[in-house]
Amino acid sequence: MNPDQIKEHLRFAAELGVAGISRDTAWRRRGVEGQESGSVPPIPPVFASAAEALAAVRADIGDCTRCKLHGLGRRQIVFGVGNPQADLMFVGEAPGADEDVQGIPFVGRAGQLLTKIIEAIELTRDDVYIANVIKCRPPQNRNPDPDEVETCEPFLFRQVDVINPPVIVALGTFAARALLRTLDPISRLRGRVYEYRGAKLIPTFHPAYLLRNPASKREVWEDMKLVRDLLQGKR
């Protein structure tokens, strides 16, 4: 891990309330004793696997009421699906109607197209991890509001840090903006590789956009060839 990656992980840990770490066993025992007495904050848990760590993130979300979407008709939280140790992670915008019913991201028409995109680079959905910036369906599939993104995106960041994929694909404008902290449209962002939390991030068009604009499939294929090359160590 290079110095920039270490700084990024420490910054993210600070956001989660981690003040520091120590290898000293007495310090660790002191923390446990403090938890028992309630005098110090709890030590962040160490998880046996990425799957266990993801389960803890999902538990933290709970039956979320942090933003207004919980009262606007959402049926359930749509957390994420796939390989917790994936080398490739896809990040979309928000669940749609089918996802809201099944509780799984990208299972509607756009999801079927995403499956074909994944298979085109000789992978399966079981090989990758798929999540959205927003975990609840916005009414009528409208664009997420800024406050909804701000409230929900920390859980996505935790998913990214647990999985720690070498390559991330941001699907569409909202995913790219959330991850890259930019207001640029996806048409301007795609076609390039960005550094993000130690990963290579490639923005591309959302599959739902491709359903409306099939001519852009050629550009997505170029982006996915880049993804394939990165995974194979060719770039």
Protein backbone atom coordinates (compact mmCIF):
# COMPACT_ATOMS: atom_id res chain seq x y z
CA MET A 1 0.00 0.00 0.00
CA ASN A 2 1.51 3.34 -1.04
CA PRO A 3 1.51 6.50 1.16
CA ASP A 4 -1.47 8.03 -0.67
CA GLN A 5 -3.54 4.88 -0.10
CA ILE A 6 -2.58 4.83 3.58
CA LYS A 7 -3.61 8.48 3.95
CA GLU A 8 -6.95 7.75 2.26
CA HIS A 9 -7.67 4.77 4.53
CA LEU A 10 -6.77 6.79 7.62
CA ARG A 11 -8.99 9.64 6.48
CA PHE A 12 -11.90 7.25 5.96
CA ALA A 13 -11.26 5.63 9.35
CA ALA A 14 -11.43 9.07 10.93
CA GLU A 15 -14.81 9.62 9.27
CA LEU A 16 -16.01 6.45 10.99
CA GLY A 17 -14.81 7.72 14.35
CA VAL A 18 -11.60 5.68 14.62
CA ALA A 19 -9.13 7.83 16.55
CA GLY A 20 -6.14 5.50 16.15
CA ILE A 21 -4.85 1.97 16.47
CA SER A 22 -2.17 0.20 18.47
CA ARG A 23 -0.53 -3.22 18.43
CA ASP A 24 0.02 -3.07 22.16
CA THR A 25 -1.97 -5.85 23.86
CA ALA A 26 -2.34 -3.84 27.05
CA TRP A 27 -3.94 -1.02 25.06
CA ARG A 28 -6.34 -3.48 23.48
CA ARG A 29 -7.25 -4.96 26.88
CA ARG A 30 -7.69 -1.48 28.31
CA GLY A 31 -10.18 -0.78 25.54
CA VAL A 32 -12.15 -3.91 26.35
CA GLU A 33 -12.23 -3.04 30.04
CA GLY A 34 -13.34 0.46 29.13
CA GLN A 35 -16.17 -0.92 27.02
CA GLU A 36 -17.32 -2.97 30.00
CA SER A 37 -17.38 0.10 32.20
CA GLY A 38 -18.68 2.43 29.50
CA SER A 39 -15.80 4.88 30.05
CA VAL A 40 -14.26 4.81 26.54
CA PRO A 41 -15.58 4.40 23.00
CA PRO A 42 -15.67 0.79 21.72
CA ILE A 43 -12.77 -0.51 19.65
CA PRO A 44 -13.84 -1.10 16.03
CA PRO A 45 -14.39 -4.84 15.54
CA VAL A 46 -12.08 -7.02 13.47
CA PHE A 47 -14.00 -9.24 11.05
CA ALA A 48 -13.06 -12.75 10.02
CA SER A 49 -14.02 -12.19 6.38
CA ALA A 50 -15.19 -9.59 3.89
CA ALA A 51 -18.62 -11.22 3.90
CA GLU A 52 -18.86 -10.73 7.66
CA ALA A 53 -17.76 -7.11 7.35
CA LEU A 54 -20.37 -6.46 4.66
CA ALA A 55 -23.02 -8.05 6.87
CA ALA A 56 -22.04 -5.58 9.58
CA VAL A 57 -22.47 -2.65 7.19
CA ARG A 58 -25.91 -3.98 6.24
CA ALA A 59 -26.79 -4.32 9.91
CA ASP A 60 -25.75 -0.72 10.50
CA ILE A 61 -28.14 0.41 7.76
CA GLY A 62 -30.99 -1.45 9.41
CA ASP A 63 -34.52 -0.54 8.33
CA CYS A 64 -33.18 2.86 7.39
CA THR A 65 -35.14 6.06 8.07
CA ARG A 66 -32.20 8.46 7.68
CA CYS A 67 -33.59 10.26 4.61
CA LYS A 68 -37.04 10.95 3.22
CA LEU A 69 -37.01 7.99 0.81
CA HIS A 70 -38.15 5.62 3.54
CA GLY A 71 -41.50 7.42 3.59
CA LEU A 72 -41.91 7.72 -0.17
CA GLY A 73 -42.94 4.18 -1.05
CA ARG A 74 -39.76 2.15 -0.90
CA ARG A 75 -40.39 -1.50 -0.09
CA GLN A 76 -36.97 -2.56 1.15
CA ILE A 77 -33.28 -1.77 1.33
CA VAL A 78 -31.32 -2.89 -1.74
CA PHE A 79 -27.83 -3.39 -0.34
CA GLY A 80 -25.52 -5.20 -2.75
CA VAL A 81 -24.84 -8.59 -4.26
CA GLY A 82 -21.96 -10.68 -5.51
CA ASN A 83 -18.48 -11.77 -4.53
CA PRO A 84 -17.26 -10.01 -1.34
CA GLN A 85 -13.68 -10.53 -2.57
CA ALA A 86 -14.33 -9.42 -6.14
CA ASP A 87 -11.62 -7.88 -8.30
CA LEU A 88 -14.30 -5.87 -10.11
CA MET A 89 -17.08 -3.82 -8.53
CA PHE A 90 -19.94 -2.06 -10.35
CA VAL A 91 -21.58 0.97 -8.75
CA GLY A 92 -24.93 2.16 -10.04
CA GLU A 93 -27.29 4.96 -9.11
CA ALA A 94 -30.35 3.64 -7.25
CA PRO A 95 -32.75 0.68 -7.25
CA GLY A 96 -35.62 0.56 -9.71
CA ALA A 97 -39.02 -1.09 -9.39
CA ASP A 98 -37.78 -4.67 -9.91
CA GLU A 99 -34.91 -4.15 -7.50
CA ASP A 100 -37.26 -2.71 -4.89
CA VAL A 101 -39.36 -5.88 -5.08
CA GLN A 102 -36.50 -8.41 -5.09
CA GLY A 103 -34.02 -6.57 -2.87
CA ILE A 104 -31.21 -7.20 -5.38
CA PRO A 105 -29.51 -4.53 -7.50
CA PHE A 106 -29.76 -4.67 -11.30
CA VAL A 107 -32.37 -7.37 -11.87
CA GLY A 108 -34.66 -5.51 -14.31
CA ARG A 109 -34.05 -4.83 -18.00
CA ALA A 110 -31.00 -2.70 -17.21
CA GLY A 111 -29.71 -5.48 -14.99
CA GLN A 112 -30.10 -8.04 -17.76
CA LEU A 113 -28.04 -5.80 -20.01
CA LEU A 114 -25.42 -5.39 -17.29
CA THR A 115 -25.18 -9.18 -17.06
CA LYS A 116 -24.44 -9.32 -20.80
CA ILE A 117 -21.82 -6.59 -20.39
CA ILE A 118 -20.14 -8.58 -17.62
CA GLU A 119 -20.24 -11.77 -19.67
CA ALA A 120 -18.71 -9.92 -22.63
CA ILE A 121 -15.44 -9.64 -20.67
CA GLU A 122 -15.64 -13.33 -19.76
CA LEU A 123 -16.90 -12.93 -16.19
CA THR A 124 -20.20 -13.74 -14.47
CA ARG A 125 -22.28 -11.85 -11.95
CA ASP A 126 -20.97 -14.24 -9.29
CA ASP A 127 -17.43 -13.03 -10.03
CA VAL A 128 -18.16 -9.34 -9.39
CA TYR A 129 -19.85 -7.21 -6.74
CA ILE A 130 -22.73 -4.87 -7.60
CA ALA A 131 -24.12 -2.04 -5.49
CA ASN A 132 -25.78 1.36 -5.81
CA VAL A 133 -25.06 4.76 -4.33
CA ILE A 134 -28.65 4.93 -3.03
CA LYS A 135 -30.05 1.88 -1.26
CA CYS A 136 -33.75 2.82 -1.59
CA ARG A 137 -35.82 3.34 -4.73
CA PRO A 138 -36.69 6.99 -5.42
CA PRO A 139 -40.38 7.39 -6.36
CA GLN A 140 -41.08 6.95 -10.07
CA ASN A 141 -37.35 6.24 -10.49
CA ARG A 142 -36.57 9.95 -10.32
CA ASN A 143 -32.98 11.12 -9.92
CA PRO A 144 -31.71 11.02 -6.33
CA ASP A 145 -31.76 14.34 -4.49
CA PRO A 146 -28.43 15.70 -3.18
CA ASP A 147 -29.43 15.15 0.45
CA GLU A 148 -30.34 11.52 -0.30
CA VAL A 149 -26.94 10.91 -1.90
CA GLU A 150 -25.14 12.61 0.98
CA THR A 151 -27.00 10.50 3.55
CA CYS A 152 -26.54 7.15 1.82
CA GLU A 153 -23.14 7.30 0.14
CA PRO A 154 -21.09 6.62 3.32
CA PHE A 155 -22.47 3.07 3.29
CA LEU A 156 -21.31 2.66 -0.30
CA PHE A 157 -17.85 3.91 0.68
CA ARG A 158 -17.74 1.29 3.42
CA GLN A 159 -18.72 -1.41 0.93
CA VAL A 160 -15.91 -0.29 -1.37
CA ASP A 161 -13.38 -0.36 1.46
CA VAL A 162 -14.45 -3.84 2.59
CA ILE A 163 -14.31 -5.35 -0.89
CA ASN A 164 -11.20 -3.36 -1.83
CA PRO A 165 -11.48 -4.17 -5.54
CA PRO A 166 -8.61 -3.36 -7.90
CA VAL A 167 -11.11 -2.05 -10.48
CA ILE A 168 -14.41 -0.18 -10.07
CA VAL A 169 -16.88 0.71 -12.82
CA ALA A 170 -19.12 3.69 -12.11
CA LEU A 171 -22.36 3.28 -14.04
CA GLY A 172 -23.82 6.63 -14.99
CA THR A 173 -23.56 10.22 -13.90
CA PHE A 174 -24.68 9.92 -10.28
CA ALA A 175 -22.33 7.05 -9.45
CA ALA A 176 -19.38 8.80 -11.09
CA ARG A 177 -20.14 12.09 -9.35
CA ALA A 178 -20.50 10.45 -5.95
CA LEU A 179 -17.22 8.59 -6.25
CA LEU A 180 -15.15 11.24 -8.00
CA ARG A 181 -16.62 14.30 -6.29
CA THR A 182 -17.25 16.08 -9.56
CA LEU A 183 -20.17 17.74 -11.34
CA ASP A 184 -18.98 16.70 -14.79
CA PRO A 185 -21.44 14.65 -16.89
CA ILE A 186 -20.67 11.02 -17.63
CA SER A 187 -20.08 11.86 -21.30
CA ARG A 188 -17.09 13.94 -20.24
CA LEU A 189 -15.81 11.53 -17.60
CA ARG A 190 -15.89 8.24 -19.50
CA GLY A 191 -12.97 6.97 -21.52
CA ARG A 192 -10.42 7.64 -18.78
CA VAL A 193 -9.04 5.85 -15.73
CA TYR A 194 -9.17 7.54 -12.33
CA GLU A 195 -7.52 6.69 -9.02
CA TYR A 196 -10.02 6.00 -6.23
CA ARG A 197 -9.23 4.54 -2.79
CA GLY A 198 -6.38 2.52 -4.26
CA ALA A 199 -8.52 1.23 -7.15
CA LYS A 200 -8.69 2.06 -10.84
CA LEU A 201 -12.09 3.64 -11.52
CA ILE A 202 -13.66 3.66 -14.99
CA PRO A 203 -16.87 5.66 -15.50
CA THR A 204 -19.22 4.55 -18.25
CA PHE A 205 -22.84 4.89 -19.31
CA HIS A 206 -25.56 3.30 -17.18
CA PRO A 207 -27.25 0.25 -18.77
CA ALA A 208 -30.63 2.05 -18.51
CA TYR A 209 -29.18 4.80 -20.69
CA LEU A 210 -28.07 2.20 -23.23
CA LEU A 211 -31.62 0.87 -23.44
CA ARG A 212 -32.70 4.32 -24.57
CA ASN A 213 -29.57 5.04 -26.62
CA PRO A 214 -28.29 1.75 -28.07
CA ALA A 215 -25.77 3.57 -30.28
CA SER A 216 -23.69 4.24 -27.14
CA LYS A 217 -23.08 0.52 -26.62
CA ARG A 218 -19.93 0.86 -28.73
CA GLU A 219 -18.49 3.38 -26.25
CA VAL A 220 -19.34 1.13 -23.31
CA TRP A 221 -17.62 -1.77 -25.04
CA GLU A 222 -14.48 0.36 -25.37
CA ASP A 223 -14.69 1.13 -21.65
CA MET A 224 -15.14 -2.53 -20.79
CA LYS A 225 -12.16 -3.55 -22.90
CA LEU A 226 -10.18 -1.12 -20.77
CA VAL A 227 -11.61 -2.78 -17.65
CA ARG A 228 -10.60 -6.20 -18.98
CA ASP A 229 -7.06 -5.01 -19.70
CA LEU A 230 -6.73 -3.58 -16.19
CA LEU A 231 -7.93 -6.82 -14.62
CA GLN A 232 -5.46 -8.78 -16.72
CA GLY A 233 -2.61 -6.43 -15.82
CA LYS A 234 -2.16 -5.20 -19.36
CA ARG A 235 -2.45 -1.52 -18.39
